Amino acid sequence: MAKAGMPGGFNLGGMGDILKQAQDLQKRMLKLQDEMKERVVEGSAGGGMVTAQVNGRQELLSVKISKEVVDPNDVSMLEDLVVAAVNQGLKKAAELSKKELGKLTGGMPVPGLF
């Protein structure tokens, strides 16, 4: 039996609660996005000879290259190490974001957020 109020039995009070929860979740997500700027992970390659720091927003912050790995006769190896370190850092940052967002949403995926 439909309740009085809205057609179909919708309760405006319940809808208001849902909207408030959605707004609260949106505020917490925005706060998390800001916090993720400050969270830093590191990827490395070549036994730590090349490292890349990436924040939780998947932004590359820095790349460090050890002198020992710089060989003018083998630039392609250095390029490969940089790519590997950056990709590892980006993967770690994505996993961190997914983990933190999962805590916030109870595991429910939110497409396009991070």
Protein backbone atom coordinates (compact mmCIF):
# COMPACT_ATOMS: atom_id res chain seq x y z
CA MET A 1 0.00 0.00 0.00
CA ALA A 2 1.37 3.43 -0.96
CA LYS A 3 2.06 5.90 1.81
CA ALA A 4 0.60 9.36 1.75
CA GLY A 5 2.75 12.06 0.28
CA MET A 6 4.36 11.26 -3.05
CA PRO A 7 2.97 9.07 -5.82
CA GLY A 8 4.40 5.57 -5.73
CA GLY A 9 4.81 5.63 -1.98
CA PHE A 10 7.99 7.72 -1.86
CA ASN A 11 8.62 9.33 1.46
CA LEU A 12 10.12 12.82 1.18
CA GLY A 13 11.83 12.40 4.53
CA GLY A 14 13.60 9.28 3.27
CA MET A 15 14.60 11.02 0.04
CA GLY A 16 15.99 13.92 2.07
CA ASP A 17 18.07 11.48 4.11
CA ILE A 18 19.43 9.89 0.94
CA LEU A 19 20.35 13.31 -0.49
CA LYS A 20 22.06 14.30 2.76
CA GLN A 21 24.05 11.06 2.77
CA ALA A 22 25.06 11.66 -0.86
CA GLN A 23 26.20 15.19 -0.02
CA ASP A 24 28.17 13.93 2.98
CA LEU A 25 29.82 11.27 0.83
CA GLN A 26 30.69 13.89 -1.79
CA LYS A 27 32.34 16.09 0.87
CA ARG A 28 34.35 13.15 2.19
CA MET A 29 35.44 12.23 -1.36
CA LEU A 30 36.63 15.78 -2.03
CA LYS A 31 38.56 15.73 1.24
CA LEU A 32 40.09 12.37 0.29
CA GLN A 33 41.13 13.75 -3.11
CA ASP A 34 42.94 16.61 -1.37
CA GLU A 35 44.59 14.20 1.07
CA MET A 36 45.76 11.98 -1.79
CA LYS A 37 47.84 14.88 -3.13
CA GLU A 38 49.95 14.58 0.01
CA ARG A 39 50.30 10.78 0.03
CA VAL A 40 53.47 9.70 -1.80
CA VAL A 41 54.48 6.26 -3.03
CA GLU A 42 57.69 5.22 -4.74
CA GLY A 43 58.41 2.97 -7.67
CA SER A 44 61.88 1.72 -8.47
CA ALA A 45 63.79 -0.19 -11.10
CA GLY A 46 67.30 -1.51 -11.55
CA GLY A 47 67.60 -2.48 -7.92
CA GLY A 48 66.77 1.05 -6.80
CA MET A 49 69.09 2.74 -9.30
CA VAL A 50 66.06 4.64 -10.67
CA THR A 51 63.23 5.75 -8.41
CA ALA A 52 60.04 7.67 -9.13
CA GLN A 53 57.82 9.34 -6.57
CA VAL A 54 54.13 9.59 -7.36
CA ASN A 55 51.36 11.05 -5.24
CA GLY A 56 47.97 9.47 -4.56
CA ARG A 57 46.46 11.55 -7.38
CA GLN A 58 48.79 9.66 -9.75
CA GLU A 59 50.92 12.71 -10.46
CA LEU A 60 54.64 12.14 -11.03
CA LEU A 61 56.53 14.20 -8.44
CA SER A 62 60.17 13.28 -9.02
CA VAL A 63 62.57 10.90 -10.68
CA LYS A 64 65.98 10.08 -9.18
CA ILE A 65 68.70 8.40 -11.24
CA SER A 66 71.85 6.98 -9.72
CA LYS A 67 75.10 8.00 -11.45
CA GLU A 68 76.08 4.37 -11.84
CA VAL A 69 73.22 3.66 -14.24
CA VAL A 70 74.01 6.58 -16.56
CA ASP A 71 75.88 5.14 -19.54
CA PRO A 72 76.03 7.35 -22.65
CA ASN A 73 76.53 4.19 -24.71
CA ASP A 74 73.31 2.59 -23.41
CA VAL A 75 70.70 5.33 -23.16
CA SER A 76 67.90 2.90 -24.04
CA MET A 77 68.55 0.90 -20.85
CA LEU A 78 68.21 4.07 -18.78
CA GLU A 79 65.01 4.98 -20.61
CA ASP A 80 63.59 1.52 -19.90
CA LEU A 81 64.47 1.84 -16.20
CA VAL A 82 62.78 5.24 -15.96
CA VAL A 83 59.63 3.92 -17.62
CA ALA A 84 59.60 0.87 -15.33
CA ALA A 85 60.06 2.96 -12.16
CA VAL A 86 57.35 5.45 -13.17
CA ASN A 87 54.90 2.70 -14.09
CA GLN A 88 55.52 0.94 -10.77
CA GLY A 89 54.93 4.22 -8.91
CA LEU A 90 51.72 4.88 -10.84
CA LYS A 91 50.48 1.36 -10.13
CA LYS A 92 51.16 1.78 -6.40
CA ALA A 93 49.38 5.15 -6.41
CA ALA A 94 46.35 3.64 -8.16
CA GLU A 95 46.22 0.82 -5.61
CA LEU A 96 46.48 3.32 -2.75
CA SER A 97 43.65 5.42 -4.19
CA LYS A 98 41.46 2.37 -4.73
CA LYS A 99 42.10 1.16 -1.17
CA GLU A 100 41.34 4.54 0.41
CA LEU A 101 38.25 5.09 -1.74
CA GLY A 102 37.05 1.58 -0.85
CA LYS A 103 37.20 2.52 2.83
CA LEU A 104 35.06 5.55 2.10
CA THR A 105 32.45 3.88 -0.10
CA GLY A 106 32.32 0.50 1.59
CA GLY A 107 33.85 -1.12 -1.50
CA MET A 108 31.27 0.28 -3.90
CA PRO A 109 33.09 1.43 -7.07
CA VAL A 110 32.73 5.05 -8.11
CA PRO A 111 33.71 5.35 -11.79
CA GLY A 112 35.95 8.20 -12.85
CA LEU A 113 36.74 9.44 -9.35
CA PHE A 114 40.45 8.65 -9.28
